[in-house]
Every structure is written in C-alpha cells, then in structure tokens.
Amino acid sequence: MALKESEAIVLRTYPLREADLLVTLFTRLEGKVRGVARSAKKSRKRFGGALEPLTFVRAFYEDRERQELARLDAFEVLESPLASEVTYSRAVALGHIAELLDELLPDREANDAVFRLTLSVLSRLRGPEIWMPVTYFELWMTRLVGFLPDFSECVVCGRVLNGSRAYFHVLADGLMCADDKRLASSEMSGESRALAAQMFRAPVESFAAGDWPKAKASDLRKFLMQTLERHIEKKLVTAGMLEKVGG
C-alpha cells in the first residue's frame, strides 16, 4: 500500500507492547484513524514530541491489508500545545476537546468543518483563559454532529421562546417554555441564548476580548454536555473535570 500523507491532530495514545503506542488521529484526509506507532517510546527521530494530545502534525501512515489499524510511519510537528505553558485548567480543556472529537467522530469519515473548527479553537487555547474557546467548541461541535436543537421554540408546544424564559432537562431533547418545563429543570438565560446566536455568526477570535469567567454561559455549557452525553449514552470524563476547575 502507498504511504499516505495528511495534516492531523493527535487525540489519544495508549501503550501497546513494550515500545509501541496505539494512536488515535483526527486526519484531514480521512477523519479519525487509529494506528500503531512502532517503537514510538524509543524513536525520537520519527515521532519526537509529536505524540502529545492535540499536537498538530503532518502524519505519514500506511493501511495494511486486512488490518484494522494503520501503520504510523512518522509525524512532523506543525504546532504543539507544549509551546505554551500547560496549566492544569488548560490541560483539562485540551483533554476535553480531544475526548469530544474521539467520542463524536466516526472512524474514517473526513470532516473538514470540524477540522477547521478544532484548529481555530486551539489557536485561542494557548493561555490560561479557557472558558470562551471551550464554550465555542462545544456549541459548534454539537451543531456540526447534528445534535443541537432549535433554541427559538419550545420542544413540547412549539411556542416561540424569543424574549421568554427557557428551561432544559437532562431527559428532554430541547428547550421548554415555563408552562411545559419538567421538575428539576434548569433555566438557560436569554443572554446565553443570544451569545450562542452570536457565536454562530462570528469566528472564535471575535470573542477573545474582555473577561470570560467560568460563570459566563455556564448554563449553555451544561445544556450542551447533557445533550451530547444523552446522544452518545455515556458520561464524558473531562466534563466532570471541567466542573472542578476554578475561574
């Protein structure tokens, strides 16, 4: 088989045998690809520091006949998250993006929109401020994978919610009006809904100015995580870790 070349983002690595690593890549060419990096724990020439999660690389790999896993030949680092200080909050945010990509994307299905989204958000995650890029990424990922409901109307009765109070529940598929909300529902503020609409109209760098504390759009992030976890039918490990991060 011919050697393939693609821009890629490293998502996860796992030990495999004594010196090998099992690597999950999000490639621009073919989407999510899983492969084996032979002797990766020993070979700095072929891989070096390119196997850190969320490293942007040029990957060279080969599919093997009747083998599910690709053979990873070499990586060239294009941009590394280690180029900036890795605080605990930033490490959790980076891990969150990697987990979302790994859980939400199917194998071997190219998605250039998600690839471009990921690169743009990673460019804003170089410092200690994490909540804006995390919110932007969660919102757009939920939309791009087809799980985001309409924010403008009640999912139960169809009443228009613009300017009205809106609620969500872990078992509901969208927002509800005050009359149809369930017990133990949470409210999503009009400010958060307006912010979501703005994020769909502007690139991530447009929101870089100003303070963005953890409390800002926290109701939106809670709704997005409940929506994603309901669809994938599992809890996201990094979502719980983010909840414990201060800010």
C-alpha atoms as a PDB file:
ATOM      1  CA  MET A   1       0.000   0.000   0.000  1.00  0.00           C
ATOM      2  CA  ALA A   2       1.141   3.552  -0.741  1.00  0.00           C
ATOM      3  CA  LEU A   3       2.212   5.791   2.119  1.00  0.00           C
ATOM      4  CA  LYS A   4      -0.469   8.394   2.876  1.00  0.00           C
ATOM      5  CA  GLU A   5       0.257  11.957   3.980  1.00  0.00           C
ATOM      6  CA  SER A   6      -2.184  14.216   5.822  1.00  0.00           C
ATOM      7  CA  GLU A   7      -2.409  17.051   8.292  1.00  0.00           C
ATOM      8  CA  ALA A   8      -3.668  15.543  11.534  1.00  0.00           C
ATOM      9  CA  ILE A   9      -4.396  16.242  15.184  1.00  0.00           C
ATOM     10  CA  VAL A  10      -3.280  13.691  17.760  1.00  0.00           C
ATOM     11  CA  LEU A  11      -6.202  12.748  20.012  1.00  0.00           C
ATOM     12  CA  ARG A  12      -5.021   9.935  22.259  1.00  0.00           C
ATOM     13  CA  THR A  13      -2.193   7.481  22.752  1.00  0.00           C
ATOM     14  CA  TYR A  14      -2.154   4.174  24.625  1.00  0.00           C
ATOM     15  CA  PRO A  15       0.736   1.843  25.469  1.00  0.00           C
ATOM     16  CA  LEU A  16       0.894  -1.228  23.242  1.00  0.00           C
ATOM     17  CA  ARG A  17       3.508  -3.848  23.962  1.00  0.00           C
ATOM     18  CA  GLU A  18       6.921  -2.835  25.248  1.00  0.00           C
ATOM     19  CA  ALA A  19       7.857   0.042  22.931  1.00  0.00           C
ATOM     20  CA  ASP A  20       4.799   0.623  20.708  1.00  0.00           C
ATOM     21  CA  LEU A  21       1.925   3.047  21.050  1.00  0.00           C
ATOM     22  CA  LEU A  22      -1.657   2.832  19.842  1.00  0.00           C
ATOM     23  CA  VAL A  23      -2.518   6.294  18.490  1.00  0.00           C
ATOM     24  CA  THR A  24      -5.847   7.887  17.560  1.00  0.00           C
ATOM     25  CA  LEU A  25      -5.506  10.633  14.961  1.00  0.00           C
ATOM     26  CA  PHE A  26      -8.015  13.066  13.510  1.00  0.00           C
ATOM     27  CA  THR A  27      -6.709  13.419   9.962  1.00  0.00           C
ATOM     28  CA  ARG A  28      -7.814  15.966   7.413  1.00  0.00           C
ATOM     29  CA  LEU A  29      -7.678  13.340   4.661  1.00  0.00           C
ATOM     30  CA  GLU A  30      -9.742  10.530   6.187  1.00  0.00           C
ATOM     31  CA  GLY A  31     -11.130  11.700   9.504  1.00  0.00           C
ATOM     32  CA  LYS A  32     -10.392   9.587  12.572  1.00  0.00           C
ATOM     33  CA  VAL A  33      -7.682   6.982  12.017  1.00  0.00           C
ATOM     34  CA  ARG A  34      -6.297   4.536  14.548  1.00  0.00           C
ATOM     35  CA  GLY A  35      -2.823   3.177  14.087  1.00  0.00           C
ATOM     36  CA  VAL A  36       0.263   1.683  15.672  1.00  0.00           C
ATOM     37  CA  ALA A  37       3.444   3.694  16.113  1.00  0.00           C
ATOM     38  CA  ARG A  38       6.139   1.043  16.245  1.00  0.00           C
ATOM     39  CA  SER A  39       8.927   1.680  18.756  1.00  0.00           C
ATOM     40  CA  ALA A  40       7.433   5.139  19.428  1.00  0.00           C
ATOM     41  CA  LYS A  41       8.680   5.076  23.018  1.00  0.00           C
ATOM     42  CA  LYS A  42      12.248   4.749  21.711  1.00  0.00           C
ATOM     43  CA  SER A  43      12.303   6.582  18.366  1.00  0.00           C
ATOM     44  CA  ARG A  44      12.680  10.350  18.767  1.00  0.00           C
ATOM     45  CA  LYS A  45      13.652  10.695  15.116  1.00  0.00           C
ATOM     46  CA  ARG A  46      10.295   9.550  13.709  1.00  0.00           C
ATOM     47  CA  PHE A  47       7.954  10.877  16.379  1.00  0.00           C
ATOM     48  CA  GLY A  48       9.812  13.005  18.912  1.00  0.00           C
ATOM     49  CA  GLY A  49       7.303  15.129  20.853  1.00  0.00           C
ATOM     50  CA  ALA A  50       4.629  14.701  18.197  1.00  0.00           C
ATOM     51  CA  LEU A  51       2.508  12.264  20.182  1.00  0.00           C
ATOM     52  CA  GLU A  52       1.240  14.664  22.831  1.00  0.00           C
ATOM     53  CA  PRO A  53      -2.578  15.027  22.677  1.00  0.00           C
ATOM     54  CA  LEU A  54      -3.775  17.918  20.491  1.00  0.00           C
ATOM     55  CA  THR A  55      -0.436  18.227  18.671  1.00  0.00           C
ATOM     56  CA  PHE A  56      -0.998  19.401  15.092  1.00  0.00           C
ATOM     57  CA  VAL A  57       1.171  17.246  12.829  1.00  0.00           C
ATOM     58  CA  ARG A  58       1.829  16.156   9.304  1.00  0.00           C
ATOM     59  CA  ALA A  59       1.287  12.421   9.534  1.00  0.00           C
ATOM     60  CA  PHE A  60       2.689   9.733   7.265  1.00  0.00           C
ATOM     61  CA  TYR A  61       0.892   6.406   7.565  1.00  0.00           C
ATOM     62  CA  GLU A  62       0.031   3.256   5.657  1.00  0.00           C
ATOM     63  CA  ASP A  63      -3.017   1.000   5.695  1.00  0.00           C
ATOM     64  CA  ARG A  64      -2.210  -2.662   5.939  1.00  0.00           C
ATOM     65  CA  GLU A  65      -4.174  -5.316   4.074  1.00  0.00           C
ATOM     66  CA  ARG A  66      -6.837  -6.985   6.237  1.00  0.00           C
ATOM     67  CA  GLN A  67      -5.656  -4.937   9.235  1.00  0.00           C
ATOM     68  CA  GLU A  68      -7.927  -2.512  11.087  1.00  0.00           C
ATOM     69  CA  LEU A  69      -5.038  -0.448  12.424  1.00  0.00           C
ATOM     70  CA  ALA A  70      -2.819   1.655  10.196  1.00  0.00           C
ATOM     71  CA  ARG A  71       0.964   1.620  10.426  1.00  0.00           C
ATOM     72  CA  LEU A  72       2.126   5.063  11.502  1.00  0.00           C
ATOM     73  CA  ASP A  73       5.443   5.823   9.839  1.00  0.00           C
ATOM     74  CA  ALA A  74       6.399   9.324  11.057  1.00  0.00           C
ATOM     75  CA  PHE A  75       4.998  12.641  12.276  1.00  0.00           C
ATOM     76  CA  GLU A  76       6.214  16.152  11.585  1.00  0.00           C
ATOM     77  CA  VAL A  77       5.164  18.658  14.264  1.00  0.00           C
ATOM     78  CA  LEU A  78       3.369  21.690  12.830  1.00  0.00           C
ATOM     79  CA  GLU A  79       2.211  23.123  16.142  1.00  0.00           C
ATOM     80  CA  SER A  80       2.487  21.785  19.669  1.00  0.00           C
ATOM     81  CA  PRO A  81       0.372  22.590  22.742  1.00  0.00           C
ATOM     82  CA  LEU A  82       3.607  22.368  24.710  1.00  0.00           C
ATOM     83  CA  ALA A  83       4.824  25.566  23.038  1.00  0.00           C
ATOM     84  CA  SER A  84       2.821  27.465  25.683  1.00  0.00           C
ATOM     85  CA  GLU A  85       2.663  26.899  29.421  1.00  0.00           C
ATOM     86  CA  VAL A  86       0.386  23.989  30.237  1.00  0.00           C
ATOM     87  CA  THR A  87      -1.557  24.908  33.364  1.00  0.00           C
ATOM     88  CA  TYR A  88      -3.955  22.427  34.930  1.00  0.00           C
ATOM     89  CA  SER A  89      -7.026  24.235  33.579  1.00  0.00           C
ATOM     90  CA  ARG A  90      -5.542  24.384  30.082  1.00  0.00           C
ATOM     91  CA  ALA A  91      -4.594  20.689  30.213  1.00  0.00           C
ATOM     92  CA  VAL A  92      -8.177  19.787  31.165  1.00  0.00           C
ATOM     93  CA  ALA A  93      -9.583  21.980  28.374  1.00  0.00           C
ATOM     94  CA  LEU A  94      -7.270  20.380  25.810  1.00  0.00           C
ATOM     95  CA  GLY A  95      -8.212  16.934  27.051  1.00  0.00           C
ATOM     96  CA  HIS A  96     -11.879  17.882  26.792  1.00  0.00           C
ATOM     97  CA  ILE A  97     -11.533  18.809  23.127  1.00  0.00           C
ATOM     98  CA  ALA A  98      -9.662  15.582  22.421  1.00  0.00           C
ATOM     99  CA  GLU A  99     -12.320  13.491  24.184  1.00  0.00           C
ATOM    100  CA  LEU A 100     -15.169  15.194  22.325  1.00  0.00           C
ATOM    101  CA  LEU A 101     -13.503  14.591  18.975  1.00  0.00           C
ATOM    102  CA  ASP A 102     -12.771  10.957  19.783  1.00  0.00           C
ATOM    103  CA  GLU A 103     -16.273  10.218  21.072  1.00  0.00           C
ATOM    104  CA  LEU A 104     -18.278  12.151  18.473  1.00  0.00           C
ATOM    105  CA  LEU A 105     -16.470  11.459  15.216  1.00  0.00           C
ATOM    106  CA  PRO A 106     -16.860   8.175  13.336  1.00  0.00           C
ATOM    107  CA  ASP A 107     -13.813   6.330  12.028  1.00  0.00           C
ATOM    108  CA  ARG A 108     -12.559   7.066   8.514  1.00  0.00           C
ATOM    109  CA  GLU A 109     -15.005   9.860   7.704  1.00  0.00           C
ATOM    110  CA  ALA A 110     -13.406  13.160   6.676  1.00  0.00           C
ATOM    111  CA  ASN A 111     -14.943  16.290   8.216  1.00  0.00           C
ATOM    112  CA  ASP A 112     -13.149  19.437   7.139  1.00  0.00           C
ATOM    113  CA  ALA A 113     -15.575  21.714   9.009  1.00  0.00           C
ATOM    114  CA  VAL A 114     -14.726  20.050  12.324  1.00  0.00           C
ATOM    115  CA  PHE A 115     -11.028  20.020  11.455  1.00  0.00           C
ATOM    116  CA  ARG A 116     -11.022  23.772  10.786  1.00  0.00           C
ATOM    117  CA  LEU A 117     -13.074  24.412  13.928  1.00  0.00           C
ATOM    118  CA  THR A 118     -10.577  22.477  16.030  1.00  0.00           C
ATOM    119  CA  LEU A 119      -7.565  24.358  14.690  1.00  0.00           C
ATOM    120  CA  SER A 120      -9.252  27.734  15.200  1.00  0.00           C
ATOM    121  CA  VAL A 121     -10.213  26.910  18.794  1.00  0.00           C
ATOM    122  CA  LEU A 122      -6.763  25.510  19.612  1.00  0.00           C
ATOM    123  CA  SER A 123      -5.276  28.820  18.457  1.00  0.00           C
ATOM    124  CA  ARG A 124      -7.276  30.508  21.272  1.00  0.00           C
ATOM    125  CA  LEU A 125      -6.275  27.922  23.887  1.00  0.00           C
ATOM    126  CA  ARG A 126      -2.663  28.973  24.227  1.00  0.00           C
ATOM    127  CA  GLY A 127      -3.101  30.853  27.502  1.00  0.00           C
ATOM    128  CA  PRO A 128      -4.844  30.375  30.844  1.00  0.00           C
ATOM    129  CA  GLU A 129      -8.260  31.642  29.669  1.00  0.00           C
ATOM    130  CA  ILE A 130     -10.227  28.531  28.719  1.00  0.00           C
ATOM    131  CA  TRP A 131     -13.949  29.199  29.036  1.00  0.00           C
ATOM    132  CA  MET A 132     -14.569  31.119  25.813  1.00  0.00           C
ATOM    133  CA  PRO A 133     -12.837  28.615  23.472  1.00  0.00           C
ATOM    134  CA  VAL A 134     -14.357  25.665  25.344  1.00  0.00           C
ATOM    135  CA  THR A 135     -17.863  27.145  25.026  1.00  0.00           C
ATOM    136  CA  TYR A 136     -17.349  27.931  21.344  1.00  0.00           C
ATOM    137  CA  PHE A 137     -16.063  24.434  20.597  1.00  0.00           C
ATOM    138  CA  GLU A 138     -18.827  22.625  22.493  1.00  0.00           C
ATOM    139  CA  LEU A 139     -21.520  24.711  20.797  1.00  0.00           C
ATOM    140  CA  TRP A 140     -20.215  24.259  17.261  1.00  0.00           C
ATOM    141  CA  MET A 141     -19.425  20.540  17.736  1.00  0.00           C
ATOM    142  CA  THR A 142     -22.956  19.890  18.970  1.00  0.00           C
ATOM    143  CA  ARG A 143     -24.275  21.629  15.894  1.00  0.00           C
ATOM    144  CA  LEU A 144     -21.900  20.024  13.388  1.00  0.00           C
ATOM    145  CA  VAL A 145     -22.661  16.480  14.540  1.00  0.00           C
ATOM    146  CA  GLY A 146     -26.391  17.202  14.267  1.00  0.00           C
ATOM    147  CA  PHE A 147     -27.390  17.095  17.947  1.00  0.00           C
ATOM    148  CA  LEU A 148     -28.223  20.770  18.557  1.00  0.00           C
ATOM    149  CA  PRO A 149     -31.969  21.530  18.797  1.00  0.00           C
ATOM    150  CA  ASP A 150     -33.655  24.784  17.837  1.00  0.00           C
ATOM    151  CA  PHE A 151     -33.245  27.381  20.595  1.00  0.00           C
ATOM    152  CA  SER A 152     -36.100  29.547  19.340  1.00  0.00           C
ATOM    153  CA  GLU A 153     -39.118  27.419  20.276  1.00  0.00           C
ATOM    154  CA  CYS A 154     -40.428  25.118  22.990  1.00  0.00           C
ATOM    155  CA  VAL A 155     -39.765  21.488  22.138  1.00  0.00           C
ATOM    156  CA  VAL A 156     -43.099  20.488  23.716  1.00  0.00           C
ATOM    157  CA  CYS A 157     -45.669  23.001  22.460  1.00  0.00           C
ATOM    158  CA  GLY A 158     -43.764  24.886  19.752  1.00  0.00           C
ATOM    159  CA  ARG A 159     -44.218  28.280  21.410  1.00  0.00           C
ATOM    160  CA  VAL A 160     -41.658  30.877  20.306  1.00  0.00           C
ATOM    161  CA  LEU A 161     -39.129  31.455  23.111  1.00  0.00           C
ATOM    162  CA  ASN A 162     -37.531  34.683  21.905  1.00  0.00           C
ATOM    163  CA  GLY A 163     -37.628  37.029  24.879  1.00  0.00           C
ATOM    164  CA  SER A 164     -39.274  34.380  27.077  1.00  0.00           C
ATOM    165  CA  ARG A 165     -37.776  32.256  29.838  1.00  0.00           C
ATOM    166  CA  ALA A 166     -36.472  28.888  28.646  1.00  0.00           C
ATOM    167  CA  TYR A 167     -35.685  25.689  30.512  1.00  0.00           C
ATOM    168  CA  PHE A 168     -33.922  22.402  29.840  1.00  0.00           C
ATOM    169  CA  HIS A 169     -33.883  18.963  31.402  1.00  0.00           C
ATOM    170  CA  VAL A 170     -31.414  16.118  31.139  1.00  0.00           C
ATOM    171  CA  LEU A 171     -34.073  13.885  29.529  1.00  0.00           C
ATOM    172  CA  ALA A 172     -35.524  16.469  27.135  1.00  0.00           C
ATOM    173  CA  ASP A 173     -34.374  16.990  23.554  1.00  0.00           C
ATOM    174  CA  GLY A 174     -34.553  20.806  23.564  1.00  0.00           C
ATOM    175  CA  LEU A 175     -35.650  23.913  25.425  1.00  0.00           C
ATOM    176  CA  MET A 176     -39.041  24.220  27.089  1.00  0.00           C
ATOM    177  CA  CYS A 177     -41.268  27.155  27.984  1.00  0.00           C
ATOM    178  CA  ALA A 178     -42.281  27.916  31.570  1.00  0.00           C
ATOM    179  CA  ASP A 179     -45.585  26.065  31.159  1.00  0.00           C
ATOM    180  CA  ASP A 180     -44.022  22.845  29.865  1.00  0.00           C
ATOM    181  CA  LYS A 181     -40.826  22.634  31.896  1.00  0.00           C
ATOM    182  CA  ARG A 182     -40.218  19.406  33.831  1.00  0.00           C
ATOM    183  CA  LEU A 183     -39.461  19.034  37.505  1.00  0.00           C
ATOM    184  CA  ALA A 184     -35.784  19.661  38.279  1.00  0.00           C
ATOM    185  CA  SER A 185     -35.306  21.639  35.073  1.00  0.00           C
ATOM    186  CA  SER A 186     -32.560  24.243  34.713  1.00  0.00           C
ATOM    187  CA  GLU A 187     -33.014  27.649  33.147  1.00  0.00           C
ATOM    188  CA  MET A 188     -30.998  28.908  30.186  1.00  0.00           C
ATOM    189  CA  SER A 189     -30.717  32.675  30.287  1.00  0.00           C
ATOM    190  CA  GLY A 190     -31.620  34.926  27.404  1.00  0.00           C
ATOM    191  CA  GLU A 191     -28.027  36.195  27.488  1.00  0.00           C
ATOM    192  CA  SER A 192     -26.649  32.706  26.884  1.00  0.00           C
ATOM    193  CA  ARG A 193     -29.062  32.073  24.020  1.00  0.00           C
ATOM    194  CA  ALA A 194     -28.138  35.408  22.462  1.00  0.00           C
ATOM    195  CA  LEU A 195     -24.450  34.564  22.869  1.00  0.00           C
ATOM    196  CA  ALA A 196     -24.962  31.229  21.105  1.00  0.00           C
ATOM    197  CA  ALA A 197     -26.581  33.026  18.190  1.00  0.00           C
ATOM    198  CA  GLN A 198     -23.617  35.416  18.015  1.00  0.00           C
ATOM    199  CA  MET A 199     -21.154  32.521  18.033  1.00  0.00           C
ATOM    200  CA  PHE A 200     -22.845  31.023  15.003  1.00  0.00           C
ATOM    201  CA  ARG A 201     -22.290  34.272  13.097  1.00  0.00           C
ATOM    202  CA  ALA A 202     -18.673  35.067  14.015  1.00  0.00           C
ATOM    203  CA  PRO A 203     -15.271  33.330  14.254  1.00  0.00           C
ATOM    204  CA  VAL A 204     -13.813  32.369  17.616  1.00  0.00           C
ATOM    205  CA  GLU A 205     -11.279  35.204  17.618  1.00  0.00           C
ATOM    206  CA  SER A 206     -14.153  37.706  17.684  1.00  0.00           C
ATOM    207  CA  PHE A 207     -14.849  36.726  21.295  1.00  0.00           C
ATOM    208  CA  ALA A 208     -11.292  36.914  22.602  1.00  0.00           C
ATOM    209  CA  ALA A 209     -11.529  40.416  24.101  1.00  0.00           C
ATOM    210  CA  GLY A 210     -12.861  41.012  27.597  1.00  0.00           C
ATOM    211  CA  ASP A 211     -13.273  38.823  30.654  1.00  0.00           C
ATOM    212  CA  TRP A 212     -14.876  35.417  30.374  1.00  0.00           C
ATOM    213  CA  PRO A 213     -15.277  33.901  33.856  1.00  0.00           C
ATOM    214  CA  LYS A 214     -16.483  30.354  34.385  1.00  0.00           C
ATOM    215  CA  ALA A 215     -19.976  31.600  35.284  1.00  0.00           C
ATOM    216  CA  LYS A 216     -20.471  33.164  31.848  1.00  0.00           C
ATOM    217  CA  ALA A 217     -22.594  30.848  29.672  1.00  0.00           C
ATOM    218  CA  SER A 218     -22.259  28.047  32.241  1.00  0.00           C
ATOM    219  CA  ASP A 219     -25.936  27.226  31.676  1.00  0.00           C
ATOM    220  CA  LEU A 220     -25.270  26.885  27.941  1.00  0.00           C
ATOM    221  CA  ARG A 221     -22.326  24.544  28.542  1.00  0.00           C
ATOM    222  CA  LYS A 222     -24.420  22.451  30.951  1.00  0.00           C
ATOM    223  CA  PHE A 223     -27.134  22.096  28.321  1.00  0.00           C
ATOM    224  CA  LEU A 224     -24.620  21.137  25.629  1.00  0.00           C
ATOM    225  CA  MET A 225     -22.971  18.487  27.803  1.00  0.00           C
ATOM    226  CA  GLN A 226     -26.331  16.988  28.746  1.00  0.00           C
ATOM    227  CA  THR A 227     -27.290  16.884  25.079  1.00  0.00           C
ATOM    228  CA  LEU A 228     -24.045  15.243  23.957  1.00  0.00           C
ATOM    229  CA  GLU A 229     -23.969  12.707  26.768  1.00  0.00           C
ATOM    230  CA  ARG A 230     -27.585  11.725  26.102  1.00  0.00           C
ATOM    231  CA  HIS A 231     -26.806  11.041  22.456  1.00  0.00           C
ATOM    232  CA  ILE A 232     -23.583   9.106  22.992  1.00  0.00           C
ATOM    233  CA  GLU A 233     -25.117   7.359  26.032  1.00  0.00           C
ATOM    234  CA  LYS A 234     -22.107   7.785  28.288  1.00  0.00           C
ATOM    235  CA  LYS A 235     -20.580  10.329  30.637  1.00  0.00           C
ATOM    236  CA  LEU A 236     -17.691  12.403  29.363  1.00  0.00           C
ATOM    237  CA  VAL A 237     -14.773  12.121  31.785  1.00  0.00           C
ATOM    238  CA  THR A 238     -13.420  15.587  31.068  1.00  0.00           C
ATOM    239  CA  ALA A 239     -16.811  17.249  31.570  1.00  0.00           C
ATOM    240  CA  GLY A 240     -16.645  16.324  35.237  1.00  0.00           C
ATOM    241  CA  MET A 241     -13.049  17.513  35.435  1.00  0.00           C
ATOM    242  CA  LEU A 242     -14.002  20.879  33.933  1.00  0.00           C
ATOM    243  CA  GLU A 243     -16.691  21.327  36.562  1.00  0.00           C
ATOM    244  CA  LYS A 244     -13.982  21.212  39.253  1.00  0.00           C
ATOM    245  CA  VAL A 245     -11.773  23.801  37.531  1.00  0.00           C
ATOM    246  CA  GLY A 246     -11.975  27.234  39.122  1.00  0.00           C
ATOM    247  CA  GLY A 247     -12.341  30.524  37.315  1.00  0.00           C
END
